[in-house]
Every structure is written in structure tokens, then in C-alpha cells.
Amino acid sequence: MSEPSDKRAPYHHGDLRNALIAAGREMLESDGLRGFSLRALSRKAQVSHAAPVHHFKTLGAFLAECRSDAFRELSEALEAAKAGASHSPTDVLCQMAVAYLRFGIAYPVMLRLMFDKDTAPPKSNDPTSQSRRAYLLLDAAVRATLPDLSQRDPRFDIRINAVWSLIHGFVILHNEDQICTQSEPPMTTEHMLVEALSAMLKRQ
């Protein structure tokens, strides 16, 4: 499976809305949220200061669109991983975990913004939202590893939260350069994640 690409298409002002989102995500990954503004975004995209406001009204609305775009990209990566995996539920989930890890490594700032409780909108059960789409892909993959459980069995809640914690935790540890490894040769983060997830699924 190919890694997410940091290269984005050149800005095309015939589709200014998406061009602004692409420019904004580049800025956020490069410089972070501090000092970010719609005016700075307009300079980056080489458009008038009024252009971002016309499309997004407020900085909060713009960041919400960036989050939606990032969740869309994550969902597409998860779907591609699922399509490229074997029929084994464990392999499907492991390949999706690697896709999540690669996305989080490629876009660390965006990943933080996607789950920041202070700035992200409330969780939505709307199946058409991009964040819900990503969750439902994970939900289905985890349920496939527990085919005999009823829909509301509490053991599913335990597993999906354990799986998500493991995957997301590996991303954060990798991005903060806190992965512990003493093996020779050193194991990659991807290898450790797959081994840890496989072991978890076997035990439960």
C-alpha cells in the first residue's frame, strides 16, 4: 500500500474553495495553528483577503472544512487498505491500522486538529459526515473480528476502544519520537503496530 503523499496539486482558482483548503492544510502542517488566519491563508493562496471569508465566513468554519477534508482522506486510505488486504478479518484490521499510522505520520498537525476537543465540533452520528465515515469503517473491521457477538454486547465496546487506542497511541508515540525499541535491528513502528494488534486480537 502506498503512503499518503505530502504533495498537493497546484492551486487552481477555478475551484477556489478546495484550493484554499489545500493551501490551509499545507500551512497548518508547516507552521501549526499558532498565527494561522484567513488573511494569512489568502496570501498563501495568492487571492484577495476577502476570498476566504466569502467561502468560509470564519476561521472556525474553515478549520471544520479542513477536518472534513482530512477525514475524507483518511477514510479513502482505510478503504484502500481494506481492498488490498486478504479476506482474513485480522489482516484487514492490521492493514487499516497501518494506513491510519501512515496518515497520522504524514499529517501530524491535522491529526491533532481532527480530534482536538477544544476546537473540533461535537461528535456526529450523521453517516454522511466524513468523520463518521472513518469511524464506521473501523467499526465494521472490528466487528468482523467478533462475528459471534450481538450488536450491543459490551465486549465490542471494549475491543473497538482498545484497538483504536493502540493504533492512535502508536501514531502519537511515533510523532513525538517516543517509540521504545531495543531490538537489533530496530523494529519499525509499522511492524510493532501489526504485531501488537495481532497479539491483542488473539488474546481476546
C-alpha atoms as a PDB file:
ATOM      1  CA  MET A   1       0.000   0.000   0.000  1.00  0.00           C
ATOM      2  CA  SER A   2       1.401   3.373  -0.927  1.00  0.00           C
ATOM      3  CA  GLU A   3       1.953   6.032   1.717  1.00  0.00           C
ATOM      4  CA  PRO A   4      -0.095   9.225   1.795  1.00  0.00           C
ATOM      5  CA  SER A   5       1.556  11.855  -0.351  1.00  0.00           C
ATOM      6  CA  ASP A   6       2.529  15.253   1.025  1.00  0.00           C
ATOM      7  CA  LYS A   7       2.416  16.673  -2.499  1.00  0.00           C
ATOM      8  CA  ARG A   8      -0.729  18.554  -3.330  1.00  0.00           C
ATOM      9  CA  ALA A   9      -1.965  19.765  -6.693  1.00  0.00           C
ATOM     10  CA  PRO A  10      -1.122  23.346  -7.698  1.00  0.00           C
ATOM     11  CA  TYR A  11      -3.734  25.854  -6.709  1.00  0.00           C
ATOM     12  CA  HIS A  12      -6.464  26.184  -9.294  1.00  0.00           C
ATOM     13  CA  HIS A  13      -8.576  29.231  -8.665  1.00  0.00           C
ATOM     14  CA  GLY A  14     -11.364  27.836 -10.808  1.00  0.00           C
ATOM     15  CA  ASP A  15     -12.012  25.676  -7.721  1.00  0.00           C
ATOM     16  CA  LEU A  16     -11.038  28.253  -5.131  1.00  0.00           C
ATOM     17  CA  ARG A  17     -12.754  26.581  -2.202  1.00  0.00           C
ATOM     18  CA  ASN A  18     -10.706  23.381  -2.491  1.00  0.00           C
ATOM     19  CA  ALA A  19      -7.587  25.367  -3.371  1.00  0.00           C
ATOM     20  CA  LEU A  20      -7.936  27.265  -0.106  1.00  0.00           C
ATOM     21  CA  ILE A  21      -8.384  24.042   1.865  1.00  0.00           C
ATOM     22  CA  ALA A  22      -5.268  22.576   0.229  1.00  0.00           C
ATOM     23  CA  ALA A  23      -3.273  25.734   0.962  1.00  0.00           C
ATOM     24  CA  GLY A  24      -4.548  25.860   4.523  1.00  0.00           C
ATOM     25  CA  ARG A  25      -3.618  22.268   5.241  1.00  0.00           C
ATOM     26  CA  GLU A  26      -0.123  22.890   3.899  1.00  0.00           C
ATOM     27  CA  MET A  27       0.231  25.917   6.149  1.00  0.00           C
ATOM     28  CA  LEU A  28      -1.033  24.062   9.194  1.00  0.00           C
ATOM     29  CA  GLU A  29       1.382  21.170   8.679  1.00  0.00           C
ATOM     30  CA  SER A  30       4.255  23.588   8.140  1.00  0.00           C
ATOM     31  CA  ASP A  31       3.597  26.186  10.835  1.00  0.00           C
ATOM     32  CA  GLY A  32       0.854  24.865  13.111  1.00  0.00           C
ATOM     33  CA  LEU A  33      -2.257  26.661  14.289  1.00  0.00           C
ATOM     34  CA  ARG A  34      -0.484  29.483  16.098  1.00  0.00           C
ATOM     35  CA  GLY A  35      -0.618  32.604  13.959  1.00  0.00           C
ATOM     36  CA  PHE A  36      -2.858  30.974  11.366  1.00  0.00           C
ATOM     37  CA  SER A  37      -5.548  33.265   9.977  1.00  0.00           C
ATOM     38  CA  LEU A  38      -7.767  33.637   6.947  1.00  0.00           C
ATOM     39  CA  ARG A  39      -5.724  36.686   5.929  1.00  0.00           C
ATOM     40  CA  ALA A  40      -2.509  34.648   6.033  1.00  0.00           C
ATOM     41  CA  LEU A  41      -4.283  31.961   4.044  1.00  0.00           C
ATOM     42  CA  SER A  42      -5.246  34.457   1.339  1.00  0.00           C
ATOM     43  CA  ARG A  43      -1.585  35.461   0.973  1.00  0.00           C
ATOM     44  CA  LYS A  44      -0.541  31.826   0.688  1.00  0.00           C
ATOM     45  CA  ALA A  45      -3.149  31.108  -1.989  1.00  0.00           C
ATOM     46  CA  GLN A  46      -2.429  34.442  -3.722  1.00  0.00           C
ATOM     47  CA  VAL A  47      -6.028  35.612  -3.637  1.00  0.00           C
ATOM     48  CA  SER A  48      -7.789  38.680  -2.212  1.00  0.00           C
ATOM     49  CA  HIS A  49      -8.221  38.962   1.550  1.00  0.00           C
ATOM     50  CA  ALA A  50     -11.980  38.687   1.079  1.00  0.00           C
ATOM     51  CA  ALA A  51     -11.853  35.399  -0.844  1.00  0.00           C
ATOM     52  CA  PRO A  52     -11.536  33.009   2.145  1.00  0.00           C
ATOM     53  CA  VAL A  53     -14.267  34.847   4.067  1.00  0.00           C
ATOM     54  CA  HIS A  54     -16.578  34.581   1.081  1.00  0.00           C
ATOM     55  CA  HIS A  55     -16.270  30.790   1.137  1.00  0.00           C
ATOM     56  CA  PHE A  56     -15.907  30.036   4.864  1.00  0.00           C
ATOM     57  CA  LYS A  57     -17.118  33.116   6.818  1.00  0.00           C
ATOM     58  CA  THR A  58     -14.988  32.390   9.918  1.00  0.00           C
ATOM     59  CA  LEU A  59     -11.709  30.737  10.834  1.00  0.00           C
ATOM     60  CA  GLY A  60     -13.641  28.095  12.784  1.00  0.00           C
ATOM     61  CA  ALA A  61     -15.714  27.246   9.724  1.00  0.00           C
ATOM     62  CA  PHE A  62     -12.569  26.947   7.646  1.00  0.00           C
ATOM     63  CA  LEU A  63     -10.886  24.621  10.138  1.00  0.00           C
ATOM     64  CA  ALA A  64     -14.034  22.477  10.178  1.00  0.00           C
ATOM     65  CA  GLU A  65     -13.742  22.086   6.411  1.00  0.00           C
ATOM     66  CA  CYS A  66     -10.071  21.169   6.754  1.00  0.00           C
ATOM     67  CA  ARG A  67     -11.001  18.487   9.293  1.00  0.00           C
ATOM     68  CA  SER A  68     -13.690  17.121   6.981  1.00  0.00           C
ATOM     69  CA  ASP A  69     -11.198  17.020   4.112  1.00  0.00           C
ATOM     70  CA  ALA A  70      -8.681  15.198   6.297  1.00  0.00           C
ATOM     71  CA  PHE A  71     -11.258  12.652   7.471  1.00  0.00           C
ATOM     72  CA  ARG A  72     -12.216  12.089   3.823  1.00  0.00           C
ATOM     73  CA  GLU A  73      -8.578  11.395   3.003  1.00  0.00           C
ATOM     74  CA  LEU A  74      -8.231   9.080   5.994  1.00  0.00           C
ATOM     75  CA  SER A  75     -11.398   7.205   5.010  1.00  0.00           C
ATOM     76  CA  GLU A  76     -10.101   6.732   1.480  1.00  0.00           C
ATOM     77  CA  ALA A  77      -6.816   5.381   2.860  1.00  0.00           C
ATOM     78  CA  LEU A  78      -8.704   2.950   5.118  1.00  0.00           C
ATOM     79  CA  GLU A  79     -10.882   1.791   2.225  1.00  0.00           C
ATOM     80  CA  ALA A  80      -7.836   1.242   0.010  1.00  0.00           C
ATOM     81  CA  ALA A  81      -6.148  -0.750   2.779  1.00  0.00           C
ATOM     82  CA  LYS A  82      -9.231  -2.910   3.201  1.00  0.00           C
ATOM     83  CA  ALA A  83      -9.401  -3.552  -0.544  1.00  0.00           C
ATOM     84  CA  GLY A  84      -5.746  -4.588  -0.634  1.00  0.00           C
ATOM     85  CA  ALA A  85      -5.895  -6.956   2.347  1.00  0.00           C
ATOM     86  CA  SER A  86      -6.611 -10.665   2.374  1.00  0.00           C
ATOM     87  CA  HIS A  87     -10.020 -11.987   3.431  1.00  0.00           C
ATOM     88  CA  SER A  88      -8.779 -12.523   6.993  1.00  0.00           C
ATOM     89  CA  PRO A  89     -10.505 -10.081   9.396  1.00  0.00           C
ATOM     90  CA  THR A  90      -7.247  -9.769  11.323  1.00  0.00           C
ATOM     91  CA  ASP A  91      -5.305  -8.880   8.189  1.00  0.00           C
ATOM     92  CA  VAL A  92      -7.943  -6.352   7.140  1.00  0.00           C
ATOM     93  CA  LEU A  93      -7.774  -4.628  10.509  1.00  0.00           C
ATOM     94  CA  CYS A  94      -3.966  -4.693  10.563  1.00  0.00           C
ATOM     95  CA  GLN A  95      -3.725  -3.191   7.078  1.00  0.00           C
ATOM     96  CA  MET A  96      -6.198  -0.478   8.057  1.00  0.00           C
ATOM     97  CA  ALA A  97      -4.139   0.204  11.173  1.00  0.00           C
ATOM     98  CA  VAL A  98      -1.030   0.695   9.033  1.00  0.00           C
ATOM     99  CA  ALA A  99      -2.977   3.075   6.765  1.00  0.00           C
ATOM    100  CA  TYR A 100      -4.061   5.079   9.832  1.00  0.00           C
ATOM    101  CA  LEU A 101      -0.477   5.151  11.098  1.00  0.00           C
ATOM    102  CA  ARG A 102       0.868   6.376   7.754  1.00  0.00           C
ATOM    103  CA  PHE A 103      -1.790   9.066   7.549  1.00  0.00           C
ATOM    104  CA  GLY A 104      -1.018  10.271  11.078  1.00  0.00           C
ATOM    105  CA  ILE A 105       2.714  10.376  10.364  1.00  0.00           C
ATOM    106  CA  ALA A 106       2.188  12.275   7.101  1.00  0.00           C
ATOM    107  CA  TYR A 107      -0.202  14.835   8.662  1.00  0.00           C
ATOM    108  CA  PRO A 108       0.583  15.116  12.391  1.00  0.00           C
ATOM    109  CA  VAL A 109      -0.819  18.627  12.876  1.00  0.00           C
ATOM    110  CA  MET A 110      -4.022  17.824  11.029  1.00  0.00           C
ATOM    111  CA  LEU A 111      -4.461  14.629  13.050  1.00  0.00           C
ATOM    112  CA  ARG A 112      -4.305  16.611  16.275  1.00  0.00           C
ATOM    113  CA  LEU A 113      -6.852  19.102  14.969  1.00  0.00           C
ATOM    114  CA  MET A 114      -9.170  16.290  13.874  1.00  0.00           C
ATOM    115  CA  PHE A 115      -9.503  15.109  17.489  1.00  0.00           C
ATOM    116  CA  ASP A 116      -8.954  18.332  19.446  1.00  0.00           C
ATOM    117  CA  LYS A 117     -11.889  18.554  21.847  1.00  0.00           C
ATOM    118  CA  ASP A 118     -11.489  22.332  22.253  1.00  0.00           C
ATOM    119  CA  THR A 119     -11.827  23.207  18.570  1.00  0.00           C
ATOM    120  CA  ALA A 120     -13.451  20.206  16.858  1.00  0.00           C
ATOM    121  CA  PRO A 121     -17.253  20.135  16.508  1.00  0.00           C
ATOM    122  CA  PRO A 122     -19.239  17.669  18.665  1.00  0.00           C
ATOM    123  CA  LYS A 123     -19.219  14.040  17.577  1.00  0.00           C
ATOM    124  CA  SER A 124     -21.874  13.342  14.980  1.00  0.00           C
ATOM    125  CA  ASN A 125     -23.816  10.184  14.197  1.00  0.00           C
ATOM    126  CA  ASP A 126     -24.615  11.517  10.742  1.00  0.00           C
ATOM    127  CA  PRO A 127     -23.420   8.709   8.403  1.00  0.00           C
ATOM    128  CA  THR A 128     -22.792  11.277   5.657  1.00  0.00           C
ATOM    129  CA  SER A 129     -20.164  13.134   7.706  1.00  0.00           C
ATOM    130  CA  GLN A 130     -16.570  12.306   6.864  1.00  0.00           C
ATOM    131  CA  SER A 131     -15.612  11.689  10.486  1.00  0.00           C
ATOM    132  CA  ARG A 132     -18.486   9.231  10.891  1.00  0.00           C
ATOM    133  CA  ARG A 133     -17.466   7.532   7.646  1.00  0.00           C
ATOM    134  CA  ALA A 134     -13.979   6.885   9.042  1.00  0.00           C
ATOM    135  CA  TYR A 135     -15.390   5.563  12.311  1.00  0.00           C
ATOM    136  CA  LEU A 136     -17.847   3.225  10.585  1.00  0.00           C
ATOM    137  CA  LEU A 137     -15.012   1.707   8.550  1.00  0.00           C
ATOM    138  CA  LEU A 138     -13.147   0.931  11.771  1.00  0.00           C
ATOM    139  CA  ASP A 139     -16.355  -0.268  13.413  1.00  0.00           C
ATOM    140  CA  ALA A 140     -17.038  -2.757  10.610  1.00  0.00           C
ATOM    141  CA  ALA A 141     -13.461  -4.039  10.625  1.00  0.00           C
ATOM    142  CA  VAL A 142     -13.503  -4.615  14.379  1.00  0.00           C
ATOM    143  CA  ARG A 143     -16.943  -6.276  14.265  1.00  0.00           C
ATOM    144  CA  ALA A 144     -15.610  -8.713  11.655  1.00  0.00           C
ATOM    145  CA  THR A 145     -13.106  -9.956  14.264  1.00  0.00           C
ATOM    146  CA  LEU A 146     -16.001 -10.664  16.677  1.00  0.00           C
ATOM    147  CA  PRO A 147     -18.612 -12.269  14.410  1.00  0.00           C
ATOM    148  CA  ASP A 148     -20.466 -14.097  17.190  1.00  0.00           C
ATOM    149  CA  LEU A 149     -21.212 -11.069  19.365  1.00  0.00           C
ATOM    150  CA  SER A 150     -24.617  -9.445  19.440  1.00  0.00           C
ATOM    151  CA  GLN A 151     -24.921  -5.846  18.274  1.00  0.00           C
ATOM    152  CA  ARG A 152     -24.848  -4.390  21.792  1.00  0.00           C
ATOM    153  CA  ASP A 153     -22.506  -6.804  23.539  1.00  0.00           C
ATOM    154  CA  PRO A 154     -20.220  -4.741  25.833  1.00  0.00           C
ATOM    155  CA  ARG A 155     -17.231  -6.766  24.675  1.00  0.00           C
ATOM    156  CA  PHE A 156     -17.406  -4.943  21.356  1.00  0.00           C
ATOM    157  CA  ASP A 157     -17.059  -1.568  23.088  1.00  0.00           C
ATOM    158  CA  ILE A 158     -14.018  -2.909  24.898  1.00  0.00           C
ATOM    159  CA  ARG A 159     -12.416  -4.159  21.698  1.00  0.00           C
ATOM    160  CA  ILE A 160     -13.023  -1.145  19.479  1.00  0.00           C
ATOM    161  CA  ASN A 161     -11.715   1.250  22.119  1.00  0.00           C
ATOM    162  CA  ALA A 162      -8.696  -0.973  22.762  1.00  0.00           C
ATOM    163  CA  VAL A 163      -7.945  -1.229  19.031  1.00  0.00           C
ATOM    164  CA  TRP A 164      -8.362   2.495  18.417  1.00  0.00           C
ATOM    165  CA  SER A 165      -6.257   3.350  21.478  1.00  0.00           C
ATOM    166  CA  LEU A 166      -3.494   1.067  20.280  1.00  0.00           C
ATOM    167  CA  ILE A 167      -3.433   2.476  16.740  1.00  0.00           C
ATOM    168  CA  HIS A 168      -3.752   6.121  17.738  1.00  0.00           C
ATOM    169  CA  GLY A 169      -1.249   5.643  20.544  1.00  0.00           C
ATOM    170  CA  PHE A 170       1.374   4.298  18.167  1.00  0.00           C
ATOM    171  CA  VAL A 171       0.860   7.316  15.902  1.00  0.00           C
ATOM    172  CA  ILE A 172       1.308   9.772  18.765  1.00  0.00           C
ATOM    173  CA  LEU A 173       4.342   7.979  20.175  1.00  0.00           C
ATOM    174  CA  HIS A 174       5.962   7.863  16.741  1.00  0.00           C
ATOM    175  CA  ASN A 175       5.296  11.534  16.041  1.00  0.00           C
ATOM    176  CA  GLU A 176       6.683  12.530  19.447  1.00  0.00           C
ATOM    177  CA  ASP A 177       9.757  10.321  18.869  1.00  0.00           C
ATOM    178  CA  GLN A 178       8.850   8.255  21.932  1.00  0.00           C
ATOM    179  CA  ILE A 179       8.667   4.756  20.428  1.00  0.00           C
ATOM    180  CA  CYS A 180      10.663   2.398  22.657  1.00  0.00           C
ATOM    181  CA  THR A 181      12.840  -0.097  20.799  1.00  0.00           C
ATOM    182  CA  GLN A 182      15.897  -2.033  21.946  1.00  0.00           C
ATOM    183  CA  SER A 183      15.911  -4.793  19.332  1.00  0.00           C
ATOM    184  CA  GLU A 184      18.688  -5.317  16.812  1.00  0.00           C
ATOM    185  CA  PRO A 185      17.984  -4.479  14.112  1.00  0.00           C
ATOM    186  CA  PRO A 186      15.365  -1.982  15.358  1.00  0.00           C
ATOM    187  CA  MET A 187      11.764  -2.823  14.524  1.00  0.00           C
ATOM    188  CA  THR A 188       9.792  -0.320  12.501  1.00  0.00           C
ATOM    189  CA  THR A 189       6.763   1.316  14.047  1.00  0.00           C
ATOM    190  CA  GLU A 190       4.567  -0.357  11.431  1.00  0.00           C
ATOM    191  CA  HIS A 191       5.941  -3.787  12.329  1.00  0.00           C
ATOM    192  CA  MET A 192       5.429  -3.226  16.046  1.00  0.00           C
ATOM    193  CA  LEU A 193       1.882  -1.976  15.493  1.00  0.00           C
ATOM    194  CA  VAL A 194       0.911  -5.002  13.410  1.00  0.00           C
ATOM    195  CA  GLU A 195       2.479  -7.419  15.906  1.00  0.00           C
ATOM    196  CA  ALA A 196       0.813  -5.715  18.878  1.00  0.00           C
ATOM    197  CA  LEU A 197      -2.600  -5.609  17.191  1.00  0.00           C
ATOM    198  CA  SER A 198      -2.373  -9.229  16.066  1.00  0.00           C
ATOM    199  CA  ALA A 199      -1.451 -10.306  19.604  1.00  0.00           C
ATOM    200  CA  MET A 200      -4.374  -8.318  21.046  1.00  0.00           C
ATOM    201  CA  LEU A 201      -6.846  -9.944  18.687  1.00  0.00           C
ATOM    202  CA  LYS A 202      -5.562 -13.435  19.513  1.00  0.00           C
ATOM    203  CA  ARG A 203      -5.894 -12.914  23.289  1.00  0.00           C
ATOM    204  CA  GLN A 204      -9.408 -11.543  23.342  1.00  0.00           C
END
